[in-house]
Structure formats: structure tokens, C-alpha cells
């Protein structure tokens, strides 16, 4: 019980601790999430980082997942929160160019839209998704916070890896995407 509220509160607190500069969109999204939490939808084992990088596809059938990798963030919680994280990694042709450029996943011909992915999830799980926007916005918010945490480590001198030097720009793009989805 309370998984959704703990996730919203926890990721908002992580952002506050990692904040290096104001990102008004991200603050606004965090407030919106706190004010618009849906009712819990039950509990299940959830992956918490389901994306293309973490699946192995069948060599002869790229539409079939052979294995799911990277389970260290797995937990028990509301499975629709896991759906939101997965949706945050999906790109669509109509997404703003900066969001596509900051992508954390591929955009290829024939890929499913976020809505089709959610519809298929609902069909296979035998559930009604309900407030899909909340789960998607949460997923994008969570990704922005993860990148902000990495950027904060760079700014505070805990890493000198130059790949992280511009993560603040990616955070701003993700924050705009989440705000746009609202």
C-alpha cells in the first residue's frame, strides 16, 4: 500500500537533493504528480527500468522478447508505475525534436506508439489503465531526476566524466516533455 505516493515523494525528494539550478518545469511536474495521484492498482513484481537496453530479442523474431535483463531495481509495487517508466523511453514521430534528440530509446519505422504499447499492456494484463497521462508523466519525471542526479555528481566533483557535463540540458528537455504532456 502507498507505493504510488512513496514513488512520487521519493523521486521529488531525490530531485530536491540533486538540484543544481532551477528547472521550473520539473518543479511544476512534481507538484502536479503529488496532486493527481491515482488510486493504487494492486501490487506485482515490477522491473522499474523496462526499456530496449534491458531486453534481449529473439534473433529470428524481433517482436519476441527472449529475456529481460537488469533486475537490480525490481520491487513489489503498482505495475502501472512500471508501465509509465517503460512509456517514458518510447519515442513517437510527433514528439518535439529536442525530446527525440535527448532520447533514451530508438525511433524506428513500425514502432508502436505509447498508446498502442499501453493498450497491449492492458489487454495482456487484463486491466484498465485509466489515467495513462499520470503514469507517462511520472516516467518522464523519473528519468529527468535520474539524469539530474548524475549531473549533480558531475557538478559537485564526484565524477569528472565529461559525458555528464551537459546532462542539465537533457534534464530541461525531459522536464519540458513532461510539462507538455500535462
C-alpha atoms as a PDB file:
ATOM      1  CA  UNK A   1       0.000   0.000   0.000  1.00  0.00           C
ATOM      2  CA  UNK A   2       1.135   3.531  -0.715  1.00  0.00           C
ATOM      3  CA  UNK A   3       3.600   2.662  -3.470  1.00  0.00           C
ATOM      4  CA  UNK A   4       2.493   5.459  -5.822  1.00  0.00           C
ATOM      5  CA  UNK A   5       2.731   8.092  -3.086  1.00  0.00           C
ATOM      6  CA  UNK A   6       6.150   6.805  -1.973  1.00  0.00           C
ATOM      7  CA  UNK A   7       7.440   6.923  -5.538  1.00  0.00           C
ATOM      8  CA  UNK A   8       6.200  10.456  -6.189  1.00  0.00           C
ATOM      9  CA  UNK A   9       7.530  11.677  -2.842  1.00  0.00           C
ATOM     10  CA  UNK A  10      10.819   9.798  -3.172  1.00  0.00           C
ATOM     11  CA  UNK A  11      11.654  10.970  -6.683  1.00  0.00           C
ATOM     12  CA  UNK A  12      10.662  14.529  -5.802  1.00  0.00           C
ATOM     13  CA  UNK A  13      12.984  14.426  -2.776  1.00  0.00           C
ATOM     14  CA  UNK A  14      15.794  12.980  -4.902  1.00  0.00           C
ATOM     15  CA  UNK A  15      15.382  15.873  -7.304  1.00  0.00           C
ATOM     16  CA  UNK A  16      15.454  18.428  -4.484  1.00  0.00           C
ATOM     17  CA  UNK A  17      18.688  16.940  -3.120  1.00  0.00           C
ATOM     18  CA  UNK A  18      20.275  16.875  -6.586  1.00  0.00           C
ATOM     19  CA  UNK A  19      19.066  20.300  -7.768  1.00  0.00           C
ATOM     20  CA  UNK A  20      21.916  22.413  -9.125  1.00  0.00           C
ATOM     21  CA  UNK A  21      19.875  25.074 -10.883  1.00  0.00           C
ATOM     22  CA  UNK A  22      16.175  25.873 -11.118  1.00  0.00           C
ATOM     23  CA  UNK A  23      14.160  23.792 -13.560  1.00  0.00           C
ATOM     24  CA  UNK A  24      10.671  25.293 -13.158  1.00  0.00           C
ATOM     25  CA  UNK A  25       9.014  22.704 -15.411  1.00  0.00           C
ATOM     26  CA  UNK A  26      10.334  19.867 -13.273  1.00  0.00           C
ATOM     27  CA  UNK A  27       9.148  21.515 -10.072  1.00  0.00           C
ATOM     28  CA  UNK A  28       5.702  22.072 -11.606  1.00  0.00           C
ATOM     29  CA  UNK A  29       5.513  18.451 -12.777  1.00  0.00           C
ATOM     30  CA  UNK A  30       6.465  17.196  -9.313  1.00  0.00           C
ATOM     31  CA  UNK A  31       3.666  19.265  -7.769  1.00  0.00           C
ATOM     32  CA  UNK A  32       1.175  18.026 -10.394  1.00  0.00           C
ATOM     33  CA  UNK A  33       2.125  14.411  -9.723  1.00  0.00           C
ATOM     34  CA  UNK A  34       1.634  14.888  -5.973  1.00  0.00           C
ATOM     35  CA  UNK A  35      -1.787  16.451  -6.556  1.00  0.00           C
ATOM     36  CA  UNK A  36      -3.030  13.930  -9.140  1.00  0.00           C
ATOM     37  CA  UNK A  37      -2.036  10.503  -7.856  1.00  0.00           C
ATOM     38  CA  UNK A  38      -4.403   7.748  -8.975  1.00  0.00           C
ATOM     39  CA  UNK A  39      -5.660   5.065  -6.636  1.00  0.00           C
ATOM     40  CA  UNK A  40      -3.392   2.063  -6.179  1.00  0.00           C
ATOM     41  CA  UNK A  41      -3.950  -0.691  -8.742  1.00  0.00           C
ATOM     42  CA  UNK A  42      -2.645  -3.620  -6.736  1.00  0.00           C
ATOM     43  CA  UNK A  43       0.859  -4.957  -6.368  1.00  0.00           C
ATOM     44  CA  UNK A  44       3.119  -7.093  -8.504  1.00  0.00           C
ATOM     45  CA  UNK A  45       6.802  -7.685  -9.095  1.00  0.00           C
ATOM     46  CA  UNK A  46       7.878  -4.745 -11.220  1.00  0.00           C
ATOM     47  CA  UNK A  47      11.126  -4.272 -13.111  1.00  0.00           C
ATOM     48  CA  UNK A  48      11.409  -0.483 -12.646  1.00  0.00           C
ATOM     49  CA  UNK A  49      13.692   0.021 -15.679  1.00  0.00           C
ATOM     50  CA  UNK A  50      11.966  -1.776 -18.546  1.00  0.00           C
ATOM     51  CA  UNK A  51      13.431  -0.463 -21.825  1.00  0.00           C
ATOM     52  CA  UNK A  52      15.052  -1.699 -25.021  1.00  0.00           C
ATOM     53  CA  UNK A  53      18.515  -1.765 -23.404  1.00  0.00           C
ATOM     54  CA  UNK A  54      17.224  -4.275 -20.890  1.00  0.00           C
ATOM     55  CA  UNK A  55      15.652  -6.849 -23.183  1.00  0.00           C
ATOM     56  CA  UNK A  56      17.071  -9.488 -25.485  1.00  0.00           C
ATOM     57  CA  UNK A  57      15.001 -10.006 -28.614  1.00  0.00           C
ATOM     58  CA  UNK A  58      14.755 -13.307 -30.457  1.00  0.00           C
ATOM     59  CA  UNK A  59      17.163 -13.371 -33.404  1.00  0.00           C
ATOM     60  CA  UNK A  60      14.549 -14.754 -35.771  1.00  0.00           C
ATOM     61  CA  UNK A  61      11.620 -12.716 -34.438  1.00  0.00           C
ATOM     62  CA  UNK A  62      12.446  -9.205 -33.254  1.00  0.00           C
ATOM     63  CA  UNK A  63       8.880  -8.920 -31.970  1.00  0.00           C
ATOM     64  CA  UNK A  64       9.535 -11.531 -29.298  1.00  0.00           C
ATOM     65  CA  UNK A  65      11.391 -10.872 -26.070  1.00  0.00           C
ATOM     66  CA  UNK A  66      13.788 -13.703 -25.143  1.00  0.00           C
ATOM     67  CA  UNK A  67      14.955 -12.306 -21.812  1.00  0.00           C
ATOM     68  CA  UNK A  68      14.609  -9.287 -19.554  1.00  0.00           C
ATOM     69  CA  UNK A  69      17.876  -8.084 -18.008  1.00  0.00           C
ATOM     70  CA  UNK A  70      18.977  -5.645 -15.295  1.00  0.00           C
ATOM     71  CA  UNK A  71      16.679  -6.531 -12.403  1.00  0.00           C
ATOM     72  CA  UNK A  72      18.526  -4.682  -9.610  1.00  0.00           C
ATOM     73  CA  UNK A  73      15.758  -2.053  -9.317  1.00  0.00           C
ATOM     74  CA  UNK A  74      12.967  -4.640  -9.189  1.00  0.00           C
ATOM     75  CA  UNK A  75      10.495  -4.395  -6.332  1.00  0.00           C
ATOM     76  CA  UNK A  76       6.888  -5.017  -5.377  1.00  0.00           C
ATOM     77  CA  UNK A  77       4.589  -2.172  -6.377  1.00  0.00           C
ATOM     78  CA  UNK A  78       1.827  -0.834  -8.575  1.00  0.00           C
ATOM     79  CA  UNK A  79       2.523  -2.326 -12.021  1.00  0.00           C
ATOM     80  CA  UNK A  80       1.138   0.739 -13.788  1.00  0.00           C
ATOM     81  CA  UNK A  81       4.060   2.755 -12.422  1.00  0.00           C
ATOM     82  CA  UNK A  82       6.338   0.314 -14.254  1.00  0.00           C
ATOM     83  CA  UNK A  83       4.269   0.861 -17.394  1.00  0.00           C
ATOM     84  CA  UNK A  84       4.848   4.624 -17.036  1.00  0.00           C
ATOM     85  CA  UNK A  85       8.595   4.146 -16.864  1.00  0.00           C
ATOM     86  CA  UNK A  86       8.535   1.978 -19.988  1.00  0.00           C
ATOM     87  CA  UNK A  87       6.416   4.567 -21.822  1.00  0.00           C
ATOM     88  CA  UNK A  88       8.926   7.296 -20.986  1.00  0.00           C
ATOM     89  CA  UNK A  89      11.542   5.514 -23.072  1.00  0.00           C
ATOM     90  CA  UNK A  90       9.322   5.266 -26.163  1.00  0.00           C
ATOM     91  CA  UNK A  91       9.574   7.874 -28.889  1.00  0.00           C
ATOM     92  CA  UNK A  92       6.963   8.880 -31.430  1.00  0.00           C
ATOM     93  CA  UNK A  93       7.436  10.783 -34.699  1.00  0.00           C
ATOM     94  CA  UNK A  94       5.309  13.668 -33.383  1.00  0.00           C
ATOM     95  CA  UNK A  95       7.467  14.202 -30.293  1.00  0.00           C
ATOM     96  CA  UNK A  96       9.327  17.537 -30.196  1.00  0.00           C
ATOM     97  CA  UNK A  97      12.738  17.435 -31.872  1.00  0.00           C
ATOM     98  CA  UNK A  98      14.670  18.224 -28.654  1.00  0.00           C
ATOM     99  CA  UNK A  99      12.973  15.288 -26.906  1.00  0.00           C
ATOM    100  CA  UNK A 100      13.813  12.959 -29.787  1.00  0.00           C
ATOM    101  CA  UNK A 101      17.430  14.234 -29.731  1.00  0.00           C
ATOM    102  CA  UNK A 102      17.713  13.571 -25.990  1.00  0.00           C
ATOM    103  CA  UNK A 103      16.178  10.135 -26.489  1.00  0.00           C
ATOM    104  CA  UNK A 104      16.855   7.211 -24.277  1.00  0.00           C
ATOM    105  CA  UNK A 105      15.431   4.806 -26.835  1.00  0.00           C
ATOM    106  CA  UNK A 106      15.215   4.284 -30.588  1.00  0.00           C
ATOM    107  CA  UNK A 107      12.710   5.634 -33.074  1.00  0.00           C
ATOM    108  CA  UNK A 108      12.331   3.269 -35.990  1.00  0.00           C
ATOM    109  CA  UNK A 109       9.675   2.643 -38.641  1.00  0.00           C
ATOM    110  CA  UNK A 110       6.892   0.415 -37.364  1.00  0.00           C
ATOM    111  CA  UNK A 111       7.493   1.060 -33.684  1.00  0.00           C
ATOM    112  CA  UNK A 112       4.419   1.204 -31.525  1.00  0.00           C
ATOM    113  CA  UNK A 113       3.072   4.439 -30.151  1.00  0.00           C
ATOM    114  CA  UNK A 114       2.905   4.848 -26.384  1.00  0.00           C
ATOM    115  CA  UNK A 115      -0.873   4.416 -26.609  1.00  0.00           C
ATOM    116  CA  UNK A 116      -0.583   1.156 -28.546  1.00  0.00           C
ATOM    117  CA  UNK A 117       2.012  -0.111 -26.079  1.00  0.00           C
ATOM    118  CA  UNK A 118      -0.304   0.761 -23.165  1.00  0.00           C
ATOM    119  CA  UNK A 119      -3.303  -0.793 -24.917  1.00  0.00           C
ATOM    120  CA  UNK A 120      -1.377  -4.022 -25.494  1.00  0.00           C
ATOM    121  CA  UNK A 121      -0.218  -4.000 -21.885  1.00  0.00           C
ATOM    122  CA  UNK A 122      -3.802  -3.563 -20.684  1.00  0.00           C
ATOM    123  CA  UNK A 123      -5.009  -6.352 -22.972  1.00  0.00           C
ATOM    124  CA  UNK A 124      -2.303  -8.806 -21.880  1.00  0.00           C
ATOM    125  CA  UNK A 125      -2.610  -7.917 -18.177  1.00  0.00           C
ATOM    126  CA  UNK A 126      -6.406  -7.857 -18.246  1.00  0.00           C
ATOM    127  CA  UNK A 127      -6.572  -4.406 -16.667  1.00  0.00           C
ATOM    128  CA  UNK A 128      -7.880  -0.957 -17.467  1.00  0.00           C
ATOM    129  CA  UNK A 129      -5.033   1.531 -17.414  1.00  0.00           C
ATOM    130  CA  UNK A 130      -7.102   4.598 -16.592  1.00  0.00           C
ATOM    131  CA  UNK A 131      -5.030   7.763 -16.200  1.00  0.00           C
ATOM    132  CA  UNK A 132      -2.269   6.955 -18.683  1.00  0.00           C
ATOM    133  CA  UNK A 133      -1.067  10.551 -18.641  1.00  0.00           C
ATOM    134  CA  UNK A 134      -0.151  10.329 -14.947  1.00  0.00           C
ATOM    135  CA  UNK A 135       1.959   7.196 -15.463  1.00  0.00           C
ATOM    136  CA  UNK A 136       3.708   8.591 -18.550  1.00  0.00           C
ATOM    137  CA  UNK A 137       4.441  11.940 -16.868  1.00  0.00           C
ATOM    138  CA  UNK A 138       5.771  10.099 -13.823  1.00  0.00           C
ATOM    139  CA  UNK A 139       8.063   8.018 -16.052  1.00  0.00           C
ATOM    140  CA  UNK A 140       9.497  11.090 -17.786  1.00  0.00           C
ATOM    141  CA  UNK A 141       9.854  12.877 -14.427  1.00  0.00           C
ATOM    142  CA  UNK A 142      11.721   9.896 -13.004  1.00  0.00           C
ATOM    143  CA  UNK A 143      14.126   9.847 -15.973  1.00  0.00           C
ATOM    144  CA  UNK A 144      14.754  13.575 -15.583  1.00  0.00           C
ATOM    145  CA  UNK A 145      15.547  13.088 -11.896  1.00  0.00           C
ATOM    146  CA  UNK A 146      17.947  10.228 -12.653  1.00  0.00           C
ATOM    147  CA  UNK A 147      19.826  12.426 -15.129  1.00  0.00           C
ATOM    148  CA  UNK A 148      19.778  15.327 -12.648  1.00  0.00           C
ATOM    149  CA  UNK A 149      21.351  13.097 -10.021  1.00  0.00           C
ATOM    150  CA  UNK A 150      24.134  12.170 -12.438  1.00  0.00           C
ATOM    151  CA  UNK A 151      24.599  15.813 -13.419  1.00  0.00           C
ATOM    152  CA  UNK A 152      24.759  16.850  -9.751  1.00  0.00           C
ATOM    153  CA  UNK A 153      27.517  14.306  -9.154  1.00  0.00           C
ATOM    154  CA  UNK A 154      29.430  15.866 -12.048  1.00  0.00           C
ATOM    155  CA  UNK A 155      28.876  19.462 -10.855  1.00  0.00           C
ATOM    156  CA  UNK A 156      29.851  18.562  -7.280  1.00  0.00           C
ATOM    157  CA  UNK A 157      33.080  16.892  -8.418  1.00  0.00           C
ATOM    158  CA  UNK A 158      32.159  13.294  -7.619  1.00  0.00           C
ATOM    159  CA  UNK A 159      32.833  12.331 -11.238  1.00  0.00           C
ATOM    160  CA  UNK A 160      34.848  14.019 -13.951  1.00  0.00           C
ATOM    161  CA  UNK A 161      33.336  12.114 -16.860  1.00  0.00           C
ATOM    162  CA  UNK A 162      32.684  14.792 -19.498  1.00  0.00           C
ATOM    163  CA  UNK A 163      29.730  12.830 -20.888  1.00  0.00           C
ATOM    164  CA  UNK A 164      27.760  14.174 -17.922  1.00  0.00           C
ATOM    165  CA  UNK A 165      28.678  17.848 -18.419  1.00  0.00           C
ATOM    166  CA  UNK A 166      25.565  18.641 -20.466  1.00  0.00           C
ATOM    167  CA  UNK A 167      23.058  16.428 -18.667  1.00  0.00           C
ATOM    168  CA  UNK A 168      21.378  19.566 -17.335  1.00  0.00           C
ATOM    169  CA  UNK A 169      20.254  20.263 -20.914  1.00  0.00           C
ATOM    170  CA  UNK A 170      18.738  16.785 -21.167  1.00  0.00           C
ATOM    171  CA  UNK A 171      17.024  17.285 -17.801  1.00  0.00           C
ATOM    172  CA  UNK A 172      15.441  20.505 -19.105  1.00  0.00           C
ATOM    173  CA  UNK A 173      14.258  18.716 -22.267  1.00  0.00           C
ATOM    174  CA  UNK A 174      12.687  15.891 -20.258  1.00  0.00           C
ATOM    175  CA  UNK A 175      11.072  18.420 -17.921  1.00  0.00           C
ATOM    176  CA  UNK A 176       9.564  20.241 -20.932  1.00  0.00           C
ATOM    177  CA  UNK A 177       8.273  16.937 -22.325  1.00  0.00           C
ATOM    178  CA  UNK A 178       6.597  16.050 -19.048  1.00  0.00           C
ATOM    179  CA  UNK A 179       5.116  19.559 -18.731  1.00  0.00           C
ATOM    180  CA  UNK A 180       3.936  19.391 -22.358  1.00  0.00           C
ATOM    181  CA  UNK A 181       2.203  16.064 -21.618  1.00  0.00           C
ATOM    182  CA  UNK A 182       0.246  17.776 -18.857  1.00  0.00           C
END
